[in-house]
Each structure stands twice: as C-alpha cells, then as structure tokens.
C-alpha cells in the first residue's frame, strides 16, 4: 500500500541527508510503502463498493431497532440458516452486532449457562449499556430491542465477530 503524508504546510518529503522538507505537490519520492497494513472493506447499505459483498452488506441499513433485528432474521431464514436453539439465536445476534459495529456494538461474554461459542445468545452489548434483541431466543426468536441490565458489563463486552 502506498501512502502520502500531507500536512497544513504541504507534503512531507524525506531527503537523502535526513532532512524533512514540505512540497506543494507530491512526487514519487513523497510516496511511502506500508507493508502489512490492511483496512476492512466498509459496509455500504444496498451493496456496492466492488469486491466480495455479503448478503448482510446488501441488506437493510443497520439501526438500533427491532426492525433491523427482524430484517437480519428474515435474511437468514431466506438463506435457509437453521435458527433453532442457542446457536440459531446467536446467528442472528452476531450479525446484528457486526452490522452495528461502527456504533460500538459488541457481544456479551457468557462462558456458562445458555450460550453459544461462549457468548450470550440474544444480547447486543455496548460499553455502557446492553440490549436484549430476541424474545424466546432459540425458539421463536422474536425480534426485540429492549435495554437490559448486565452485571460487570465493562469486563464482559467483547468485539463483534465477523459472521463471514
């Protein structure tokens, strides 16, 4: 990946003798190779942007609402995904969290009890609050969006998992 550094004074130009100068226009000597730097492909509602686009990216625009949860559930049902049991509920939850990651959404660690892959099956967690997004999770998986109390939320918050 090639990058250029532009400041308020111009483009940074590193000279062979170690000096740094500013240039009005960037030339090939103001380009830097950065190896190993990768950026995730942005989600563009309605698709677009080229490259591989998952069905979640072409689905409804993410929102903190029961309607968005319902849309994600409907998308998974249309794909024939099994939504029964704890991991079926979590299939919805992890996609909702992934869709809302730019807003700070994550998952809730739950190593014991009713969980899937060590996460709560129906909770979307933010750093300061949490929401129960399914009624009868693993059964009817009714779309919901209700704030819920969580003990030790700061310690249990986890970043969303790319549903692939």
N, C-alpha and C. Protein backbone atom coordinates (compact mmCIF):
# COMPACT_ATOMS: atom_id res chain seq x y z
N UNK A 1 0.84 -1.16 0.00
CA UNK A 1 0.00 0.00 0.00
C UNK A 1 0.89 1.23 0.00
N UNK A 2 0.60 2.16 -0.88
CA UNK A 2 1.36 3.41 -0.95
C UNK A 2 0.55 4.51 -0.29
N UNK A 3 1.23 5.35 0.51
CA UNK A 3 0.58 6.48 1.15
C UNK A 3 1.45 7.72 0.99
N UNK A 4 0.81 8.87 1.15
CA UNK A 4 1.49 10.16 1.14
C UNK A 4 1.05 10.89 2.40
N UNK A 5 1.93 11.70 2.96
CA UNK A 5 1.62 12.49 4.14
C UNK A 5 1.46 13.95 3.74
N UNK A 6 0.24 14.46 3.87
CA UNK A 6 0.00 15.88 3.57
C UNK A 6 -0.34 16.58 4.88
N UNK A 7 0.37 17.64 5.16
CA UNK A 7 0.12 18.45 6.36
C UNK A 7 -0.41 19.81 5.92
N UNK A 8 -0.65 20.68 6.87
CA UNK A 8 -1.09 22.05 6.55
C UNK A 8 -0.03 22.80 5.77
N UNK A 9 1.23 22.36 5.84
CA UNK A 9 2.34 23.03 5.16
C UNK A 9 2.67 22.42 3.81
N UNK A 10 2.12 21.26 3.51
CA UNK A 10 2.40 20.59 2.25
C UNK A 10 2.71 19.12 2.49
N UNK A 11 3.20 18.47 1.45
CA UNK A 11 3.54 17.06 1.52
C UNK A 11 4.91 16.87 2.17
N UNK A 12 5.00 15.91 3.08
CA UNK A 12 6.29 15.61 3.69
C UNK A 12 7.20 14.97 2.66
N UNK A 13 8.44 15.44 2.61
CA UNK A 13 9.42 14.90 1.69
C UNK A 13 10.69 14.62 2.48
N UNK A 14 11.02 13.35 2.65
CA UNK A 14 12.22 12.96 3.39
C UNK A 14 13.40 12.96 2.41
N UNK A 15 14.41 13.77 2.74
CA UNK A 15 15.56 13.93 1.87
C UNK A 15 16.64 12.90 2.21
N UNK A 16 17.50 12.57 1.26
CA UNK A 16 18.55 11.56 1.50
C UNK A 16 19.49 11.90 2.65
N UNK A 17 19.67 13.21 2.93
CA UNK A 17 20.58 13.58 4.01
C UNK A 17 19.88 13.62 5.38
N UNK A 18 18.60 13.20 5.44
CA UNK A 18 17.88 13.12 6.70
C UNK A 18 16.96 14.30 6.97
N UNK A 19 17.06 15.34 6.15
CA UNK A 19 16.19 16.50 6.36
C UNK A 19 14.77 16.17 5.92
N UNK A 20 13.82 16.90 6.50
CA UNK A 20 12.42 16.80 6.08
C UNK A 20 12.03 18.13 5.49
N UNK A 21 11.47 18.09 4.29
CA UNK A 21 11.00 19.31 3.63
C UNK A 21 9.52 19.16 3.33
N UNK A 22 8.90 20.28 3.03
CA UNK A 22 7.50 20.27 2.62
C UNK A 22 7.43 20.67 1.16
N UNK A 23 6.60 19.98 0.39
CA UNK A 23 6.44 20.26 -1.03
C UNK A 23 4.98 20.60 -1.32
N UNK A 24 4.75 21.49 -2.28
CA UNK A 24 3.39 21.85 -2.67
C UNK A 24 2.67 20.69 -3.35
N UNK A 25 3.40 19.95 -4.14
CA UNK A 25 2.83 18.82 -4.86
C UNK A 25 3.61 17.57 -4.53
N UNK A 26 2.90 16.45 -4.48
CA UNK A 26 3.56 15.19 -4.15
C UNK A 26 4.18 14.59 -5.41
N UNK A 27 5.41 14.19 -5.29
CA UNK A 27 6.09 13.47 -6.35
C UNK A 27 6.30 12.04 -5.92
N UNK A 28 6.89 11.22 -6.75
CA UNK A 28 7.09 9.81 -6.40
C UNK A 28 7.97 9.63 -5.17
N UNK A 29 8.81 10.60 -4.85
CA UNK A 29 9.68 10.49 -3.67
C UNK A 29 8.91 10.79 -2.38
N UNK A 30 7.66 11.30 -2.48
CA UNK A 30 6.84 11.52 -1.29
C UNK A 30 5.88 10.36 -1.02
N UNK A 31 6.00 9.29 -1.78
CA UNK A 31 5.17 8.11 -1.55
C UNK A 31 5.93 7.12 -0.68
N UNK A 32 5.21 6.50 0.23
CA UNK A 32 5.80 5.53 1.14
C UNK A 32 5.08 4.21 0.99
N UNK A 33 5.84 3.12 1.01
CA UNK A 33 5.25 1.79 1.02
C UNK A 33 5.03 1.37 2.46
N UNK A 34 3.81 0.97 2.76
CA UNK A 34 3.48 0.45 4.08
C UNK A 34 3.10 -1.01 3.89
N UNK A 35 3.92 -1.88 4.41
CA UNK A 35 3.68 -3.31 4.23
C UNK A 35 2.87 -3.86 5.40
N UNK A 36 1.91 -4.71 5.08
CA UNK A 36 1.12 -5.39 6.10
C UNK A 36 -0.05 -4.58 6.64
N UNK A 37 -0.27 -3.37 6.14
CA UNK A 37 -1.39 -2.56 6.61
C UNK A 37 -2.61 -2.88 5.75
N UNK A 38 -3.69 -3.33 6.41
CA UNK A 38 -4.91 -3.65 5.70
C UNK A 38 -6.08 -2.97 6.37
N UNK A 39 -7.05 -2.55 5.59
CA UNK A 39 -8.25 -1.93 6.11
C UNK A 39 -9.44 -2.83 5.77
N UNK A 40 -10.39 -2.99 6.72
CA UNK A 40 -11.56 -3.80 6.40
C UNK A 40 -12.39 -3.11 5.33
N UNK A 41 -13.06 -3.92 4.50
CA UNK A 41 -13.92 -3.36 3.48
C UNK A 41 -15.14 -2.75 4.16
N UNK A 42 -15.48 -1.50 3.84
CA UNK A 42 -16.62 -0.87 4.51
C UNK A 42 -17.94 -1.51 4.08
N UNK A 43 -18.90 -1.44 4.98
CA UNK A 43 -20.24 -1.89 4.65
C UNK A 43 -20.99 -0.73 4.04
N UNK A 44 -21.50 -0.93 2.85
CA UNK A 44 -22.25 0.10 2.16
C UNK A 44 -23.67 -0.40 2.02
N UNK A 45 -24.63 0.22 2.72
CA UNK A 45 -26.01 -0.25 2.59
C UNK A 45 -26.43 -0.29 1.14
N UNK A 46 -27.07 -1.37 0.75
CA UNK A 46 -27.50 -1.54 -0.63
C UNK A 46 -26.41 -2.09 -1.52
N UNK A 47 -25.27 -2.48 -0.94
CA UNK A 47 -24.20 -3.08 -1.72
C UNK A 47 -23.31 -2.02 -2.33
N UNK A 48 -22.55 -2.42 -3.33
CA UNK A 48 -21.65 -1.50 -4.00
C UNK A 48 -20.27 -1.58 -3.41
N UNK A 49 -19.38 -0.80 -3.96
CA UNK A 49 -18.03 -0.75 -3.43
C UNK A 49 -17.11 -1.77 -4.05
N UNK A 50 -17.64 -2.66 -4.88
CA UNK A 50 -16.79 -3.65 -5.54
C UNK A 50 -16.33 -4.72 -4.59
N UNK A 51 -15.68 -5.71 -5.11
CA UNK A 51 -15.17 -6.80 -4.30
C UNK A 51 -16.29 -7.71 -3.82
N UNK A 52 -15.97 -8.56 -2.87
CA UNK A 52 -16.93 -9.50 -2.33
C UNK A 52 -17.93 -8.76 -1.45
N UNK A 53 -19.19 -8.93 -1.72
CA UNK A 53 -20.23 -8.30 -0.93
C UNK A 53 -21.10 -9.39 -0.36
N UNK A 54 -21.18 -9.47 0.97
CA UNK A 54 -22.01 -10.48 1.59
C UNK A 54 -23.46 -10.03 1.57
N UNK A 55 -24.36 -10.96 1.84
CA UNK A 55 -25.77 -10.62 1.85
C UNK A 55 -26.10 -9.63 2.95
N UNK A 56 -25.33 -9.63 4.04
CA UNK A 56 -25.57 -8.67 5.11
C UNK A 56 -25.28 -7.25 4.62
N UNK A 57 -24.31 -7.10 3.76
CA UNK A 57 -23.96 -5.78 3.24
C UNK A 57 -25.01 -5.26 2.27
N UNK A 58 -25.76 -6.14 1.64
CA UNK A 58 -26.78 -5.71 0.70
C UNK A 58 -28.14 -5.64 1.36
N UNK A 59 -28.22 -5.97 2.64
CA UNK A 59 -29.47 -5.97 3.38
C UNK A 59 -29.83 -4.58 3.86
N UNK A 60 -30.69 -4.54 4.85
CA UNK A 60 -31.17 -3.26 5.35
C UNK A 60 -30.06 -2.48 6.05
N UNK A 61 -30.15 -1.16 6.03
CA UNK A 61 -29.14 -0.39 6.74
C UNK A 61 -29.22 -0.65 8.24
N UNK A 62 -28.08 -0.81 8.90
CA UNK A 62 -28.08 -1.10 10.33
C UNK A 62 -28.73 0.01 11.15
N UNK A 63 -29.52 -0.40 12.14
CA UNK A 63 -30.11 0.55 13.08
C UNK A 63 -30.35 -0.17 14.40
N UNK A 64 -30.34 0.57 15.46
CA UNK A 64 -30.58 0.01 16.78
C UNK A 64 -32.08 -0.09 16.98
N UNK A 65 -32.67 -1.16 16.39
CA UNK A 65 -34.12 -1.30 16.42
C UNK A 65 -34.52 -2.76 16.23
N UNK A 66 -35.74 -3.06 16.68
CA UNK A 66 -36.30 -4.40 16.46
C UNK A 66 -36.51 -4.65 14.97
N UNK A 67 -36.74 -3.59 14.20
CA UNK A 67 -36.93 -3.75 12.75
C UNK A 67 -35.66 -4.27 12.09
N UNK A 68 -34.51 -3.77 12.54
CA UNK A 68 -33.25 -4.27 11.98
C UNK A 68 -33.03 -5.73 12.38
N UNK A 69 -33.33 -6.07 13.63
CA UNK A 69 -33.22 -7.46 14.08
C UNK A 69 -34.12 -8.34 13.22
N UNK A 70 -35.36 -7.90 12.96
CA UNK A 70 -36.30 -8.67 12.14
C UNK A 70 -35.77 -8.85 10.72
N UNK A 71 -35.16 -7.80 10.17
CA UNK A 71 -34.62 -7.88 8.81
C UNK A 71 -33.46 -8.86 8.73
N UNK A 72 -32.59 -8.86 9.74
CA UNK A 72 -31.47 -9.81 9.77
C UNK A 72 -32.01 -11.23 9.89
N UNK A 73 -33.00 -11.43 10.77
CA UNK A 73 -33.61 -12.76 10.92
C UNK A 73 -34.22 -13.22 9.59
N UNK A 74 -34.96 -12.35 8.92
CA UNK A 74 -35.58 -12.70 7.64
C UNK A 74 -34.54 -13.05 6.59
N UNK A 75 -33.43 -12.31 6.58
CA UNK A 75 -32.36 -12.59 5.62
C UNK A 75 -31.79 -13.99 5.86
N UNK A 76 -31.56 -14.34 7.13
CA UNK A 76 -31.02 -15.66 7.46
C UNK A 76 -32.01 -16.77 7.11
N UNK A 77 -33.29 -16.53 7.38
CA UNK A 77 -34.31 -17.52 7.02
C UNK A 77 -34.34 -17.73 5.51
N UNK A 78 -34.23 -16.65 4.74
CA UNK A 78 -34.23 -16.76 3.28
C UNK A 78 -33.04 -17.55 2.78
N UNK A 79 -31.94 -17.52 3.54
CA UNK A 79 -30.74 -18.27 3.16
C UNK A 79 -30.80 -19.72 3.65
N UNK A 80 -31.85 -20.06 4.39
CA UNK A 80 -32.01 -21.42 4.89
C UNK A 80 -31.17 -21.73 6.12
N UNK A 81 -30.74 -20.71 6.86
CA UNK A 81 -29.93 -20.91 8.05
C UNK A 81 -30.83 -21.45 9.17
N UNK A 82 -30.36 -22.49 9.86
CA UNK A 82 -31.10 -23.07 10.99
C UNK A 82 -31.01 -22.11 12.17
N UNK A 83 -32.15 -21.59 12.61
CA UNK A 83 -32.17 -20.61 13.69
C UNK A 83 -32.68 -21.21 15.00
N UNK A 84 -32.72 -22.53 15.10
CA UNK A 84 -33.21 -23.15 16.33
C UNK A 84 -32.08 -23.30 17.34
N UNK A 85 -32.46 -23.30 18.61
CA UNK A 85 -31.51 -23.50 19.69
C UNK A 85 -30.65 -22.28 19.95
N UNK A 86 -29.77 -22.39 20.94
CA UNK A 86 -28.92 -21.25 21.32
C UNK A 86 -28.07 -20.71 20.17
N UNK A 87 -27.49 -21.59 19.38
CA UNK A 87 -26.61 -21.11 18.30
C UNK A 87 -27.41 -20.53 17.13
N UNK A 88 -28.67 -20.96 16.98
CA UNK A 88 -29.54 -20.33 15.99
C UNK A 88 -29.84 -18.89 16.36
N UNK A 89 -30.14 -18.67 17.66
CA UNK A 89 -30.36 -17.31 18.13
C UNK A 89 -29.09 -16.48 17.97
N UNK A 90 -27.96 -17.09 18.28
CA UNK A 90 -26.69 -16.37 18.19
C UNK A 90 -26.34 -16.02 16.75
N UNK A 91 -26.81 -16.81 15.78
CA UNK A 91 -26.58 -16.48 14.37
C UNK A 91 -27.17 -15.10 14.06
N UNK A 92 -28.34 -14.83 14.62
CA UNK A 92 -28.96 -13.51 14.44
C UNK A 92 -28.17 -12.45 15.20
N UNK A 93 -27.88 -12.74 16.46
CA UNK A 93 -27.23 -11.76 17.34
C UNK A 93 -25.86 -11.33 16.80
N UNK A 94 -25.05 -12.29 16.36
CA UNK A 94 -23.71 -11.89 15.90
C UNK A 94 -23.77 -11.07 14.62
N UNK A 95 -24.79 -11.31 13.77
CA UNK A 95 -24.92 -10.50 12.55
C UNK A 95 -25.42 -9.09 12.87
N UNK A 96 -26.32 -8.98 13.85
CA UNK A 96 -26.77 -7.65 14.27
C UNK A 96 -25.59 -6.87 14.87
N UNK A 97 -24.82 -7.52 15.74
CA UNK A 97 -23.66 -6.85 16.35
C UNK A 97 -22.66 -6.43 15.28
N UNK A 98 -22.42 -7.29 14.29
CA UNK A 98 -21.48 -6.96 13.22
C UNK A 98 -21.99 -5.76 12.42
N UNK A 99 -23.28 -5.74 12.13
CA UNK A 99 -23.85 -4.63 11.39
C UNK A 99 -23.77 -3.31 12.15
N UNK A 100 -23.80 -3.38 13.48
CA UNK A 100 -23.77 -2.18 14.32
C UNK A 100 -22.39 -1.88 14.91
N UNK A 101 -21.37 -2.54 14.40
CA UNK A 101 -20.03 -2.38 15.00
C UNK A 101 -19.52 -0.95 14.94
N UNK A 102 -19.88 -0.21 13.90
CA UNK A 102 -19.43 1.18 13.80
C UNK A 102 -20.02 2.05 14.91
N UNK A 103 -21.14 1.62 15.48
CA UNK A 103 -21.78 2.34 16.59
C UNK A 103 -21.26 1.87 17.94
N UNK A 104 -20.31 0.93 17.94
CA UNK A 104 -19.73 0.43 19.18
C UNK A 104 -20.36 -0.83 19.71
N UNK A 105 -21.22 -1.47 18.91
CA UNK A 105 -21.88 -2.71 19.34
C UNK A 105 -20.88 -3.85 19.42
N UNK A 106 -21.13 -4.72 20.37
CA UNK A 106 -20.32 -5.91 20.53
C UNK A 106 -21.18 -7.03 21.09
N UNK A 107 -20.52 -8.04 21.57
CA UNK A 107 -21.18 -9.21 22.12
C UNK A 107 -20.93 -9.28 23.61
N UNK A 108 -21.69 -10.12 24.30
CA UNK A 108 -21.57 -10.26 25.74
C UNK A 108 -20.99 -11.63 26.07
N UNK A 109 -19.86 -11.64 26.72
CA UNK A 109 -19.24 -12.90 27.13
C UNK A 109 -20.15 -13.61 28.13
N UNK A 110 -20.36 -14.91 27.92
CA UNK A 110 -21.18 -15.71 28.82
C UNK A 110 -20.66 -17.15 28.76
N UNK A 111 -19.61 -17.45 29.52
CA UNK A 111 -18.99 -18.77 29.42
C UNK A 111 -19.83 -19.91 29.97
N UNK A 112 -20.84 -19.62 30.82
CA UNK A 112 -21.66 -20.70 31.36
C UNK A 112 -23.12 -20.48 31.04
N UNK A 113 -23.93 -21.49 31.30
CA UNK A 113 -25.36 -21.39 31.07
C UNK A 113 -25.71 -21.41 29.60
N UNK A 114 -26.83 -20.77 29.27
CA UNK A 114 -27.32 -20.75 27.89
C UNK A 114 -26.44 -19.82 27.06
N UNK A 115 -25.56 -20.41 26.26
CA UNK A 115 -24.64 -19.62 25.45
C UNK A 115 -24.33 -20.34 24.16
N UNK A 116 -23.66 -19.65 23.27
CA UNK A 116 -23.15 -20.24 22.03
C UNK A 116 -21.77 -19.65 21.81
N UNK A 117 -20.80 -20.49 21.65
CA UNK A 117 -19.41 -20.07 21.43
C UNK A 117 -18.90 -19.16 22.55
N UNK A 118 -19.49 -19.29 23.76
CA UNK A 118 -19.06 -18.51 24.91
C UNK A 118 -19.69 -17.13 25.00
N UNK A 119 -20.73 -16.87 24.19
CA UNK A 119 -21.41 -15.59 24.18
C UNK A 119 -22.87 -15.74 24.55
N UNK A 120 -23.46 -14.67 25.12
CA UNK A 120 -24.91 -14.63 25.33
C UNK A 120 -25.58 -14.71 23.96
N UNK A 121 -26.65 -15.46 23.88
CA UNK A 121 -27.26 -15.75 22.58
C UNK A 121 -28.16 -14.65 22.05
N UNK A 122 -28.57 -13.71 22.91
CA UNK A 122 -29.55 -12.71 22.46
C UNK A 122 -29.29 -11.30 23.01
N UNK A 123 -28.04 -10.99 23.34
CA UNK A 123 -27.69 -9.68 23.90
C UNK A 123 -26.69 -8.97 23.00
N UNK A 124 -27.00 -7.72 22.66
CA UNK A 124 -26.06 -6.82 21.99
C UNK A 124 -25.51 -5.90 23.07
N UNK A 125 -24.21 -5.83 23.20
CA UNK A 125 -23.59 -5.05 24.26
C UNK A 125 -22.84 -3.85 23.68
N UNK A 126 -23.02 -2.74 24.35
CA UNK A 126 -22.22 -1.55 24.09
C UNK A 126 -21.37 -1.37 25.35
N UNK A 127 -20.45 -0.44 25.33
CA UNK A 127 -19.59 -0.26 26.51
C UNK A 127 -20.35 0.22 27.74
N UNK A 128 -21.47 0.89 27.53
CA UNK A 128 -22.20 1.46 28.67
C UNK A 128 -23.62 0.95 28.84
N UNK A 129 -24.10 0.08 27.95
CA UNK A 129 -25.46 -0.45 28.06
C UNK A 129 -25.58 -1.72 27.23
N UNK A 130 -26.65 -2.46 27.47
CA UNK A 130 -26.87 -3.71 26.74
C UNK A 130 -28.35 -3.82 26.38
N UNK A 131 -28.62 -4.56 25.29
CA UNK A 131 -29.98 -4.71 24.79
C UNK A 131 -30.28 -6.18 24.53
N UNK A 132 -31.46 -6.61 24.98
CA UNK A 132 -31.98 -7.94 24.68
C UNK A 132 -32.68 -7.81 23.34
N UNK A 133 -32.21 -8.55 22.32
CA UNK A 133 -32.75 -8.34 20.97
C UNK A 133 -33.67 -9.45 20.50
N UNK A 134 -33.88 -10.50 21.32
CA UNK A 134 -34.76 -11.60 20.92
C UNK A 134 -35.64 -12.03 22.08
N UNK A 135 -36.91 -12.22 21.81
CA UNK A 135 -37.78 -12.88 22.77
C UNK A 135 -37.80 -14.35 22.40
N UNK A 136 -37.78 -15.22 23.39
CA UNK A 136 -37.76 -16.67 23.16
C UNK A 136 -36.58 -17.04 22.24
N UNK A 137 -35.38 -16.55 22.62
CA UNK A 137 -34.17 -16.82 21.84
C UNK A 137 -33.93 -18.31 21.68
N UNK A 138 -33.73 -18.74 20.46
CA UNK A 138 -33.52 -20.15 20.14
C UNK A 138 -34.82 -20.87 19.84
N UNK A 139 -35.95 -20.24 20.19
CA UNK A 139 -37.27 -20.78 19.88
C UNK A 139 -37.87 -19.96 18.76
N UNK A 140 -38.79 -19.06 19.14
CA UNK A 140 -39.43 -18.20 18.14
C UNK A 140 -38.50 -17.10 17.64
N UNK A 141 -37.48 -16.73 18.42
CA UNK A 141 -36.55 -15.65 18.05
C UNK A 141 -37.31 -14.39 17.65
N UNK A 142 -38.23 -13.97 18.52
CA UNK A 142 -38.99 -12.75 18.22
C UNK A 142 -38.11 -11.53 18.29
N UNK A 143 -38.07 -10.72 17.22
CA UNK A 143 -37.25 -9.52 17.21
C UNK A 143 -37.68 -8.54 18.30
N UNK A 144 -36.70 -7.99 18.98
CA UNK A 144 -36.94 -7.08 20.09
C UNK A 144 -35.78 -6.11 20.18
N UNK A 145 -35.95 -5.06 20.96
CA UNK A 145 -34.84 -4.14 21.24
C UNK A 145 -35.13 -3.47 22.57
N UNK A 146 -34.81 -4.16 23.66
CA UNK A 146 -35.09 -3.64 24.98
C UNK A 146 -33.85 -3.57 25.83
N UNK A 147 -33.63 -2.41 26.44
CA UNK A 147 -32.45 -2.27 27.29
C UNK A 147 -32.56 -3.22 28.47
N UNK A 148 -31.46 -3.83 28.83
CA UNK A 148 -31.42 -4.79 29.91
C UNK A 148 -30.21 -4.53 30.79
N UNK A 149 -30.33 -4.84 32.05
CA UNK A 149 -29.19 -4.67 32.95
C UNK A 149 -28.24 -5.85 32.86
N UNK A 150 -26.96 -5.57 32.90
CA UNK A 150 -25.94 -6.62 32.85
C UNK A 150 -24.91 -6.31 33.92
N UNK A 151 -24.66 -7.30 34.79
CA UNK A 151 -23.62 -7.13 35.80
C UNK A 151 -22.26 -7.20 35.12
N UNK A 152 -21.36 -6.33 35.54
CA UNK A 152 -19.97 -6.35 35.07
C UNK A 152 -19.87 -6.20 33.54
N UNK A 153 -20.67 -5.30 32.97
CA UNK A 153 -20.71 -5.11 31.52
C UNK A 153 -19.34 -4.76 30.95
N UNK A 154 -18.60 -3.89 31.62
CA UNK A 154 -17.30 -3.47 31.09
C UNK A 154 -16.34 -4.65 30.93
N UNK A 155 -16.39 -5.60 31.85
CA UNK A 155 -15.50 -6.75 31.78
C UNK A 155 -16.00 -7.82 30.80
N UNK A 156 -17.29 -7.81 30.49
CA UNK A 156 -17.87 -8.86 29.66
C UNK A 156 -18.06 -8.46 28.20
N UNK A 157 -17.90 -7.17 27.88
CA UNK A 157 -18.05 -6.71 26.50
C UNK A 157 -16.96 -7.33 25.64
N UNK A 158 -17.33 -7.81 24.48
CA UNK A 158 -16.37 -8.35 23.50
C UNK A 158 -16.66 -7.73 22.15
N UNK A 159 -15.65 -7.56 21.32
CA UNK A 159 -15.89 -7.01 19.98
C UNK A 159 -16.74 -7.98 19.16
N UNK A 160 -17.46 -7.45 18.17
CA UNK A 160 -18.29 -8.33 17.34
C UNK A 160 -17.42 -9.30 16.54
N UNK A 161 -18.03 -10.41 16.17
CA UNK A 161 -17.36 -11.46 15.41
C UNK A 161 -17.84 -11.37 13.96
N UNK A 162 -16.93 -11.33 13.03
CA UNK A 162 -17.29 -11.31 11.61
C UNK A 162 -18.06 -12.59 11.29
N UNK A 163 -19.34 -12.47 10.90
CA UNK A 163 -20.11 -13.68 10.62
C UNK A 163 -19.72 -14.37 9.32
N UNK A 164 -18.82 -13.76 8.58
CA UNK A 164 -18.32 -14.39 7.37
C UNK A 164 -19.32 -14.34 6.30
